């Protein structure tokens, strides 16, 4: 759902998929982490809107040190920007006319916004919000009164050449805090630059708004909102009076609160006046929030996913029963899993690689063969190594998670598995392509067996880092990143 609440601005439902612009100049980018070329339309469309806003902040933050993406046609790093309709595209960091893709005009939108920003900083609304913040801080004895200052230079660590000038700064107990007033033209470079500098200096950045309307959000507001755990803060006349009356800094907090409606995860906006002492501050991410949206959404998703896993294994077991009729239920489950970007075959017995993966991991967790006529778990291990080596890695980690090493060792009376496993371990260290997981079923592996998926992900990431300098696309890291998305 998306709605244009006021002419000139479009507000996007955070849970909607992000949309690319039509006819973008840059149609393909190189993922510098994996070495994989990606379609821009597919990459942007794979993100939920709120998640893409976070991603564009990460891309911008890394732009000058270790860029995440570059143009597929030239050496320039690229970053994510938005059209006025909040459709996204990539822009060159440097554009000298040598690339066929042209993403900049003589005066870019960022340049225009930057000029407007510096003019607006001296406006009366900006001066007013600074006064309200200052009054609120001085009313709270946990902030040292001599430390509450407006528009004073703040040096980053001991480097006197690097400084910021926060709207209001203060010491809360021993924590340095910078309060910045969010203006309608506060652009992403300002948000990222200040966040990174205050983090380097061991300080905490808190953005304050003069007002907030959930159904009328500019992109500049979204940049702050979604990178701050979906919390925004407002200081106004009422909160200032509360601060001065109660002797404790109060703020108005707006946040997203997720909830379940049937099988769907939905959300609502909540407004609440909170005390500063109730806020959580994270130094590494520079997030300050009252309500932990990420944790609340994760818990709801975890409960829903646990039910889906339970439904899958119940149907899987039932499908092995002669004359069972599970296809209608299987189809419905398949649709639900597809909504979670998890693919399973059209039929339980529709793909031998998938069946082997499921039976192999179930065997590991049960400590005896499941789905085969074998008598021992070690026979399952040999069968997978010989016929389906792409599942060796997952099976090995499942054995470890289920603590079945002694079971296989006891059954390996002739030492055949011991000898074979030594060779397999060496081949895995060398990232033997024949032992890399079947990428088609990686999401199902991670979803159905999350602990095994997490271990496989760590292994692939480590192996991929070792292969990073190869000239070919890093298929190991591609697989690792794909699996991380599901864990």
Protein backbone atom coordinates (compact mmCIF):
# COMPACT_ATOMS: atom_id res chain seq x y z
CA UNK A 1 0.00 0.00 0.00
CA UNK A 2 1.30 3.47 -0.80
CA UNK A 3 -0.46 6.78 -0.50
CA UNK A 4 0.22 10.36 -1.56
CA UNK A 5 -1.20 12.20 1.44
CA UNK A 6 -0.17 15.70 0.37
CA UNK A 7 0.73 16.95 -3.13
CA UNK A 8 4.47 16.71 -3.67
CA UNK A 9 5.12 13.84 -1.29
CA UNK A 10 4.44 10.10 -1.36
CA UNK A 11 4.46 8.04 1.82
CA UNK A 12 5.28 4.35 1.44
CA UNK A 13 4.01 1.52 3.62
CA UNK A 14 7.18 0.22 5.35
CA UNK A 15 6.17 -3.42 4.69
CA UNK A 16 5.81 -2.97 0.92
CA UNK A 17 8.54 -4.11 -1.45
CA UNK A 18 10.81 -1.32 -2.65
CA UNK A 19 10.40 -0.26 -6.28
CA UNK A 20 13.10 0.71 -8.80
CA UNK A 21 12.68 3.66 -11.15
CA UNK A 22 11.73 2.94 -14.74
CA UNK A 23 14.50 3.21 -17.34
CA UNK A 24 17.35 3.56 -14.86
CA UNK A 25 20.71 4.55 -16.36
CA UNK A 26 22.58 1.93 -14.28
CA UNK A 27 20.85 -1.40 -14.86
CA UNK A 28 23.49 -3.72 -13.38
CA UNK A 29 25.93 -3.41 -10.49
CA UNK A 30 28.83 -5.51 -9.24
CA UNK A 31 28.50 -6.74 -5.66
CA UNK A 32 32.03 -6.13 -4.38
CA UNK A 33 31.52 -8.60 -1.53
CA UNK A 34 30.74 -11.62 -3.69
CA UNK A 35 31.98 -10.63 -7.15
CA UNK A 36 28.48 -11.25 -8.52
CA UNK A 37 26.83 -9.03 -11.12
CA UNK A 38 23.28 -8.15 -10.08
CA UNK A 39 20.29 -6.75 -11.91
CA UNK A 40 19.44 -3.42 -10.27
CA UNK A 41 15.70 -4.00 -10.65
CA UNK A 42 15.92 -7.42 -9.01
CA UNK A 43 18.24 -6.20 -6.25
CA UNK A 44 16.05 -3.25 -5.28
CA UNK A 45 12.86 -5.30 -5.59
CA UNK A 46 14.24 -7.96 -3.24
CA UNK A 47 14.13 -5.50 -0.30
CA UNK A 48 11.18 -4.44 1.80
CA UNK A 49 10.91 -0.62 1.73
CA UNK A 50 12.03 -0.13 5.34
CA UNK A 51 14.92 -2.55 4.85
CA UNK A 52 16.10 -0.79 1.68
CA UNK A 53 16.17 2.52 3.54
CA UNK A 54 18.51 0.88 6.05
CA UNK A 55 20.55 -0.66 3.25
CA UNK A 56 21.05 2.67 1.47
CA UNK A 57 22.41 4.08 4.72
CA UNK A 58 24.92 1.22 4.93
CA UNK A 59 25.89 1.72 1.28
CA UNK A 60 26.45 5.44 1.80
CA UNK A 61 28.41 4.91 5.03
CA UNK A 62 30.83 2.50 3.30
CA UNK A 63 31.11 4.53 0.11
CA UNK A 64 34.48 6.18 0.71
CA UNK A 65 36.20 3.38 2.62
CA UNK A 66 35.01 -0.01 1.33
CA UNK A 67 32.22 0.43 -1.24
CA UNK A 68 29.63 -2.34 -1.41
CA UNK A 69 28.70 -1.89 -5.08
CA UNK A 70 30.22 -0.50 -8.26
CA UNK A 71 28.85 0.25 -11.69
CA UNK A 72 28.99 -2.77 -14.01
CA UNK A 73 30.20 -0.56 -16.88
CA UNK A 74 32.89 1.57 -15.24
CA UNK A 75 35.18 1.68 -12.16
CA UNK A 76 33.01 4.12 -10.17
CA UNK A 77 31.45 3.09 -6.87
CA UNK A 78 27.69 3.64 -6.74
CA UNK A 79 25.13 4.44 -4.07
CA UNK A 80 21.35 4.31 -3.72
CA UNK A 81 19.21 7.39 -4.25
CA UNK A 82 15.49 7.98 -4.63
CA UNK A 83 13.22 9.72 -7.07
CA UNK A 84 10.54 12.13 -5.75
CA UNK A 85 8.10 9.20 -5.95
CA UNK A 86 10.40 7.13 -3.70
CA UNK A 87 11.52 4.75 -6.42
CA UNK A 88 15.18 3.88 -6.20
CA UNK A 89 18.21 3.81 -8.48
CA UNK A 90 22.00 3.80 -8.29
CA UNK A 91 24.13 6.89 -8.88
CA UNK A 92 27.86 7.12 -9.64
CA UNK A 93 30.10 8.47 -6.90
CA UNK A 94 32.28 9.96 -9.63
CA UNK A 95 31.01 10.78 -13.07
CA UNK A 96 33.47 12.10 -15.68
CA UNK A 97 31.49 11.32 -18.83
CA UNK A 98 33.41 8.16 -19.69
CA UNK A 99 30.56 5.80 -18.70
CA UNK A 100 27.56 5.21 -20.91
CA UNK A 101 25.33 5.52 -17.82
CA UNK A 102 24.69 9.19 -16.92
CA UNK A 103 23.34 9.65 -13.42
CA UNK A 104 24.14 13.25 -12.57
CA UNK A 105 23.12 16.71 -13.76
CA UNK A 106 25.30 19.82 -13.44
CA UNK A 107 23.80 20.46 -10.03
CA UNK A 108 22.66 17.26 -8.33
CA UNK A 109 19.63 16.98 -6.07
CA UNK A 110 22.01 16.40 -3.16
CA UNK A 111 23.80 19.69 -3.95
CA UNK A 112 20.48 21.52 -4.06
CA UNK A 113 19.32 19.96 -0.79
CA UNK A 114 22.66 20.76 0.85
CA UNK A 115 22.31 24.44 -0.01
CA UNK A 116 18.75 24.52 1.32
CA UNK A 117 19.85 22.68 4.47
CA UNK A 118 22.47 25.23 5.44
CA UNK A 119 19.99 28.07 4.92
CA UNK A 120 17.27 26.42 7.01
CA UNK A 121 19.61 25.88 9.97
CA UNK A 122 19.27 29.58 10.81
CA UNK A 123 15.45 29.63 10.62
CA UNK A 124 13.25 30.48 13.61
CA UNK A 125 11.72 26.93 13.78
CA UNK A 126 15.23 25.55 14.08
CA UNK A 127 16.19 28.02 16.82
CA UNK A 128 12.93 27.24 18.62
CA UNK A 129 13.48 23.47 18.78
CA UNK A 130 17.02 24.02 20.07
CA UNK A 131 15.63 26.18 22.89
CA UNK A 132 13.06 23.51 23.81
CA UNK A 133 15.75 20.80 23.92
CA UNK A 134 18.01 23.01 26.03
CA UNK A 135 15.24 23.84 28.51
CA UNK A 136 14.29 20.15 28.81
CA UNK A 137 17.89 19.15 29.51
CA UNK A 138 18.47 21.87 32.10
CA UNK A 139 15.38 20.68 33.99
CA UNK A 140 16.89 17.21 34.42
CA UNK A 141 19.65 16.96 37.07
CA UNK A 142 21.08 13.81 35.43
CA UNK A 143 22.42 16.16 32.73
CA UNK A 144 25.25 18.36 33.98
CA UNK A 145 23.96 21.94 33.56
CA UNK A 146 27.39 23.35 32.61
CA UNK A 147 27.60 20.78 29.82
CA UNK A 148 24.32 21.78 28.15
CA UNK A 149 25.47 23.92 25.22
CA UNK A 150 24.06 25.13 21.90
CA UNK A 151 26.07 25.29 18.68
CA UNK A 152 29.49 24.73 20.29
CA UNK A 153 32.31 22.89 18.55
CA UNK A 154 32.73 19.26 19.50
CA UNK A 155 36.06 17.73 18.58
CA UNK A 156 36.09 14.11 17.47
CA UNK A 157 38.33 12.27 19.94
CA UNK A 158 41.70 14.10 20.22
CA UNK A 159 41.86 15.12 16.57
CA UNK A 160 41.48 18.92 16.60
CA UNK A 161 41.08 19.01 12.81
CA UNK A 162 37.86 17.01 12.97
CA UNK A 163 34.93 18.60 14.72
CA UNK A 164 31.17 18.79 14.74
CA UNK A 165 28.85 21.49 16.01
CA UNK A 166 25.73 19.77 17.37
CA UNK A 167 22.57 21.77 17.82
CA UNK A 168 22.64 20.94 21.53
CA UNK A 169 25.16 18.87 23.46
CA UNK A 170 25.22 17.58 27.02
CA UNK A 171 26.78 15.11 29.43
CA UNK A 172 24.35 12.52 30.81
CA UNK A 173 26.19 11.08 33.80
CA UNK A 174 29.45 10.30 31.90
CA UNK A 175 27.94 9.82 28.43
CA UNK A 176 28.43 12.55 25.84
CA UNK A 177 25.22 13.09 23.88
CA UNK A 178 24.64 15.20 20.79
CA UNK A 179 21.09 16.29 20.00
CA UNK A 180 20.46 17.25 16.39
CA UNK A 181 17.24 18.81 15.12
CA UNK A 182 15.93 16.97 12.07
CA UNK A 183 15.03 19.42 9.34
CA UNK A 184 12.82 18.68 6.36
CA UNK A 185 15.93 18.83 4.17
CA UNK A 186 18.32 16.86 6.35
CA UNK A 187 19.87 14.64 3.69
CA UNK A 188 21.52 11.27 4.02
CA UNK A 189 25.12 12.48 3.87
CA UNK A 190 24.47 14.60 6.96
CA UNK A 191 22.79 11.74 8.82
CA UNK A 192 25.56 9.25 8.00
CA UNK A 193 28.43 11.71 8.52
CA UNK A 194 27.28 12.82 11.94
CA UNK A 195 26.46 9.31 13.08
CA UNK A 196 29.91 8.03 12.10
CA UNK A 197 31.77 10.97 13.64
CA UNK A 198 29.96 10.85 16.96
CA UNK A 199 30.54 7.10 17.17
CA UNK A 200 34.28 7.65 16.62
CA UNK A 201 34.28 10.18 19.44
CA UNK A 202 32.51 7.84 21.86
CA UNK A 203 29.36 9.96 21.85
CA UNK A 204 25.70 9.15 21.24
CA UNK A 205 23.67 10.93 18.56
CA UNK A 206 19.95 11.57 19.14
CA UNK A 207 17.85 13.10 16.37
CA UNK A 208 14.94 15.28 17.52
CA UNK A 209 12.02 16.36 15.35
CA UNK A 210 9.62 19.28 15.70
CA UNK A 211 6.71 17.00 14.71
CA UNK A 212 5.90 13.69 13.06
CA UNK A 213 3.02 12.40 10.94
CA UNK A 214 3.15 8.69 10.14
CA UNK A 215 1.07 9.08 6.97
CA UNK A 216 3.15 11.96 5.66
CA UNK A 217 6.80 11.02 5.83
CA UNK A 218 9.49 12.51 3.63
CA UNK A 219 12.41 10.32 2.60
CA UNK A 220 14.67 12.35 4.88
CA UNK A 221 12.46 11.34 7.81
CA UNK A 222 12.50 7.70 6.72
CA UNK A 223 16.31 7.76 6.62
CA UNK A 224 16.33 8.51 10.35
CA UNK A 225 13.29 6.46 11.31
CA UNK A 226 14.26 3.11 9.80
CA UNK A 227 17.91 3.33 10.81
CA UNK A 228 16.80 4.00 14.40
CA UNK A 229 14.84 0.80 15.03
CA UNK A 230 11.66 2.53 13.75
CA UNK A 231 11.58 5.07 16.59
CA UNK A 232 11.49 8.87 16.20
CA UNK A 233 11.47 11.54 18.91
CA UNK A 234 9.74 14.90 19.13
CA UNK A 235 10.33 17.68 21.62
CA UNK A 236 7.47 20.20 21.78
CA UNK A 237 5.88 22.64 24.22
CA UNK A 238 4.02 19.89 26.09
CA UNK A 239 7.05 17.62 26.58
CA UNK A 240 9.14 20.62 27.64
CA UNK A 241 6.55 21.56 30.30
CA UNK A 242 6.53 17.94 31.54
CA UNK A 243 10.31 17.99 31.77
CA UNK A 244 10.35 21.20 33.78
CA UNK A 245 7.43 20.13 36.01
CA UNK A 246 8.77 16.65 36.79
CA UNK A 247 12.50 17.40 36.73
CA UNK A 248 13.16 14.72 34.14
CA UNK A 249 13.70 14.99 30.38
CA UNK A 250 10.54 13.88 28.50
CA UNK A 251 10.16 13.23 24.78
CA UNK A 252 7.31 12.24 22.53
CA UNK A 253 8.13 8.92 20.87
CA UNK A 254 6.50 7.53 17.72
CA UNK A 255 7.22 3.91 16.87
CA UNK A 256 6.00 0.98 14.81
CA UNK A 257 4.45 -1.90 16.73
CA UNK A 258 3.99 -5.22 14.89
CA UNK A 259 1.12 -7.62 15.59
CA UNK A 260 -0.37 -10.81 14.16
CA UNK A 261 -3.65 -10.91 12.30
CA UNK A 262 -4.24 -14.52 11.38
CA UNK A 263 -1.05 -15.61 9.64
CA UNK A 264 -0.17 -12.08 8.53
CA UNK A 265 2.26 -9.80 10.34
CA UNK A 266 0.87 -6.27 10.40
CA UNK A 267 1.81 -3.12 12.29
CA UNK A 268 0.42 0.01 13.85
CA UNK A 269 1.90 3.36 14.81
CA UNK A 270 2.04 4.19 18.50
CA UNK A 271 2.56 7.60 20.08
CA UNK A 272 3.78 7.80 23.66
CA UNK A 273 5.47 10.35 25.91
CA UNK A 274 8.53 8.73 27.48
CA UNK A 275 11.31 9.65 29.88
CA UNK A 276 14.87 9.83 28.60
CA UNK A 277 15.86 7.31 31.26
CA UNK A 278 13.60 4.73 29.55
CA UNK A 279 15.52 4.84 26.29
CA UNK A 280 18.01 2.25 25.06
CA UNK A 281 21.21 3.62 23.53
CA UNK A 282 23.44 1.53 21.29
CA UNK A 283 26.89 3.05 20.77
CA UNK A 284 27.96 0.84 17.87
CA UNK A 285 24.85 1.44 15.75
CA UNK A 286 24.16 4.95 17.12
CA UNK A 287 20.54 3.95 17.65
CA UNK A 288 18.45 5.37 20.49
CA UNK A 289 15.00 3.88 20.94
CA UNK A 290 12.17 3.26 23.38
CA UNK A 291 10.40 0.34 21.69
CA UNK A 292 12.52 -2.48 20.24
CA UNK A 293 10.71 -2.95 16.93
CA UNK A 294 13.31 -5.39 15.58
CA UNK A 295 12.98 -7.75 18.54
CA UNK A 296 9.17 -7.58 18.54
CA UNK A 297 8.99 -8.34 14.82
CA UNK A 298 11.59 -11.11 15.16
CA UNK A 299 9.59 -12.78 17.94
CA UNK A 300 6.38 -12.70 15.90
CA UNK A 301 8.15 -14.04 12.82
CA UNK A 302 9.85 -16.73 14.90
CA UNK A 303 6.51 -17.95 16.30
CA UNK A 304 4.96 -17.98 12.82
CA UNK A 305 7.96 -19.73 11.33
CA UNK A 306 7.98 -22.36 14.07
CA UNK A 307 4.40 -23.21 13.18
CA UNK A 308 5.31 -23.46 9.49
CA UNK A 309 8.21 -25.79 10.33
CA UNK A 310 5.90 -27.93 12.43
CA UNK A 311 3.37 -28.08 9.58
CA UNK A 312 6.08 -29.06 7.10
CA UNK A 313 7.45 -31.97 9.14
CA UNK A 314 3.94 -33.21 9.95
CA UNK A 315 3.09 -33.33 6.24
CA UNK A 316 6.47 -34.79 5.37
CA UNK A 317 5.91 -37.66 7.79
CA UNK A 318 2.34 -38.16 6.58
CA UNK A 319 3.43 -38.25 2.93
CA UNK A 320 5.48 -41.38 3.66
CA UNK A 321 2.32 -43.20 4.76
CA UNK A 322 0.81 -45.46 2.05
CA UNK A 323 -2.31 -44.05 0.41
CA UNK A 324 -2.03 -40.72 2.21
CA UNK A 325 -3.51 -37.67 0.52
CA UNK A 326 -1.48 -34.64 1.47
CA UNK A 327 -1.25 -32.80 -1.85
CA UNK A 328 -3.91 -30.18 -1.08
CA UNK A 329 -2.30 -29.34 2.26
CA UNK A 330 1.17 -29.52 0.66
CA UNK A 331 0.18 -26.98 -1.98
CA UNK A 332 -1.15 -24.56 0.65
CA UNK A 333 2.04 -24.98 2.71
CA UNK A 334 4.13 -24.43 -0.42
CA UNK A 335 2.41 -21.07 -0.98
CA UNK A 336 3.00 -19.99 2.63
CA UNK A 337 6.68 -20.91 2.40
CA UNK A 338 7.01 -19.11 -0.93
CA UNK A 339 5.88 -15.94 0.84
CA UNK A 340 8.94 -16.43 3.05
CA UNK A 341 11.14 -16.88 -0.07
CA UNK A 342 11.45 -20.60 0.71
CA UNK A 343 10.99 -23.04 -2.18
CA UNK A 344 9.98 -26.67 -1.78
CA UNK A 345 9.14 -29.15 -4.59
CA UNK A 346 5.64 -29.34 -6.04
CA UNK A 347 5.31 -32.78 -4.48
CA UNK A 348 7.02 -34.25 -1.39
CA UNK A 349 8.71 -36.81 -3.66
CA UNK A 350 9.27 -34.35 -6.51
CA UNK A 351 13.04 -33.85 -6.18
CA UNK A 352 15.57 -36.46 -5.07
CA UNK A 353 18.16 -33.89 -3.95
CA UNK A 354 15.61 -32.17 -1.71
CA UNK A 355 14.38 -35.50 -0.31
CA UNK A 356 17.94 -36.59 0.45
CA UNK A 357 18.66 -33.31 2.25
CA UNK A 358 15.56 -33.65 4.45
CA UNK A 359 15.99 -37.36 5.15
CA UNK A 360 19.71 -36.92 5.82
CA UNK A 361 19.22 -34.17 8.38
CA UNK A 362 16.27 -35.91 10.03
CA UNK A 363 18.44 -39.04 10.31
CA UNK A 364 21.21 -37.03 11.94
CA UNK A 365 18.87 -35.55 14.53
CA UNK A 366 17.15 -38.86 15.26
CA UNK A 367 20.40 -40.84 15.36
CA UNK A 368 19.09 -43.52 12.98
CA UNK A 369 18.06 -43.74 9.30
CA UNK A 370 14.90 -41.87 8.31
CA UNK A 371 13.43 -42.41 4.85
CA UNK A 372 15.78 -45.24 3.86
CA UNK A 373 15.96 -48.97 4.50
CA UNK A 374 19.42 -48.62 6.02
CA UNK A 375 20.06 -50.06 9.45
CA UNK A 376 22.71 -47.62 10.70
CA UNK A 377 23.40 -43.89 10.64
CA UNK A 378 26.87 -44.46 9.20
CA UNK A 379 25.23 -45.99 6.13
CA UNK A 380 23.34 -42.75 5.61
CA UNK A 381 26.64 -40.86 5.81
CA UNK A 382 28.23 -43.07 3.12
CA UNK A 383 25.17 -42.82 0.89
CA UNK A 384 25.15 -39.00 1.00
CA UNK A 385 28.91 -38.80 0.37
CA UNK A 386 28.67 -41.12 -2.64
CA UNK A 387 25.42 -40.05 -4.25
CA UNK A 388 24.64 -36.53 -3.01
CA UNK A 389 27.93 -34.84 -2.03
CA UNK A 390 26.23 -31.41 -2.14
CA UNK A 391 24.60 -32.32 1.18
CA UNK A 392 27.75 -33.51 2.97
CA UNK A 393 28.34 -30.11 4.58
CA UNK A 394 24.82 -29.80 5.99
CA UNK A 395 24.78 -33.44 7.14
CA UNK A 396 28.13 -33.04 8.91
CA UNK A 397 26.92 -29.97 10.78
CA UNK A 398 23.65 -31.70 11.67
CA UNK A 399 25.65 -34.58 13.17
CA UNK A 400 27.56 -32.04 15.25
CA UNK A 401 24.45 -30.12 16.36
CA UNK A 402 22.67 -33.39 17.28
CA UNK A 403 25.80 -34.71 19.06
CA UNK A 404 25.77 -37.95 17.05
CA UNK A 405 29.55 -38.17 16.46
CA UNK A 406 29.88 -41.06 18.93
CA UNK A 407 27.02 -42.90 17.21
CA UNK A 408 28.77 -42.89 13.83
CA UNK A 409 32.17 -43.63 15.36
CA UNK A 410 30.73 -46.66 17.19
CA UNK A 411 29.11 -47.93 13.97
CA UNK A 412 32.26 -47.35 11.88
CA UNK A 413 33.86 -50.63 12.94
CA UNK A 414 36.19 -50.88 9.90
CA UNK A 415 37.20 -47.22 9.88
CA UNK A 416 35.86 -46.61 6.38
CA UNK A 417 33.96 -43.50 7.38
CA UNK A 418 36.92 -42.18 9.37
CA UNK A 419 39.12 -42.39 6.26
CA UNK A 420 36.46 -40.94 3.99
CA UNK A 421 35.64 -38.06 6.35
CA UNK A 422 39.30 -37.01 6.49
CA UNK A 423 39.35 -36.67 2.70
CA UNK A 424 36.02 -34.84 2.73
CA UNK A 425 37.27 -32.36 5.34
CA UNK A 426 40.29 -31.56 3.19
CA UNK A 427 38.11 -31.06 0.11
CA UNK A 428 35.81 -28.77 2.11
CA UNK A 429 38.80 -26.71 3.24
CA UNK A 430 39.70 -26.32 -0.43
CA UNK A 431 36.08 -25.30 -1.22
CA UNK A 432 35.62 -28.20 -3.63
CA UNK A 433 32.68 -27.07 -5.85
CA UNK A 434 31.18 -30.58 -5.81
CA UNK A 435 30.71 -30.27 -2.03
CA UNK A 436 29.09 -26.84 -2.12
CA UNK A 437 25.41 -26.90 -1.07
CA UNK A 438 22.63 -27.11 -3.62
CA UNK A 439 21.71 -23.40 -3.88
CA UNK A 440 18.17 -24.16 -4.98
CA UNK A 441 17.40 -25.63 -1.58
CA UNK A 442 19.57 -23.38 0.60
CA UNK A 443 16.61 -21.26 1.79
CA UNK A 444 14.71 -24.44 2.77
CA UNK A 445 17.75 -25.76 4.63
CA UNK A 446 18.07 -22.52 6.61
CA UNK A 447 14.37 -22.25 7.32
CA UNK A 448 13.68 -25.85 8.31
CA UNK A 449 16.95 -26.42 10.19
CA UNK A 450 18.00 -22.93 11.38
CA UNK A 451 20.84 -24.04 13.67
CA UNK A 452 22.39 -26.15 10.91
CA UNK A 453 21.85 -23.30 8.44
CA UNK A 454 23.69 -20.87 10.71
CA UNK A 455 26.70 -23.21 10.96
CA UNK A 456 26.75 -23.80 7.19
CA UNK A 457 26.57 -20.04 6.68
CA UNK A 458 29.60 -19.42 8.91
CA UNK A 459 31.57 -22.13 7.12
CA UNK A 460 30.75 -20.74 3.67
CA UNK A 461 31.55 -17.18 4.72
CA UNK A 462 34.97 -18.22 6.00
CA UNK A 463 35.67 -20.29 2.88
CA UNK A 464 34.46 -17.45 0.69
CA UNK A 465 36.78 -14.95 2.35
CA UNK A 466 39.71 -17.21 1.49
CA UNK A 467 38.60 -17.25 -2.15
CA UNK A 468 37.87 -13.51 -2.36
CA UNK A 469 40.93 -12.69 -4.45
CA UNK A 470 40.11 -15.07 -7.28
CA UNK A 471 39.26 -13.53 -10.64
CA UNK A 472 36.01 -15.48 -10.96
CA UNK A 473 32.71 -14.58 -9.26
CA UNK A 474 32.86 -15.84 -5.71
CA UNK A 475 30.24 -18.59 -5.79
CA UNK A 476 31.06 -19.56 -2.22
CA UNK A 477 30.27 -16.10 -0.87
CA UNK A 478 27.20 -15.89 -3.08
CA UNK A 479 25.93 -19.04 -1.39
CA UNK A 480 26.93 -17.71 2.04
CA UNK A 481 25.03 -14.46 1.52
CA UNK A 482 22.00 -16.31 0.25
CA UNK A 483 21.95 -18.54 3.29
CA UNK A 484 22.49 -15.60 5.70
CA UNK A 485 19.28 -14.02 4.46
CA UNK A 486 17.35 -16.99 5.85
CA UNK A 487 19.11 -17.50 9.18
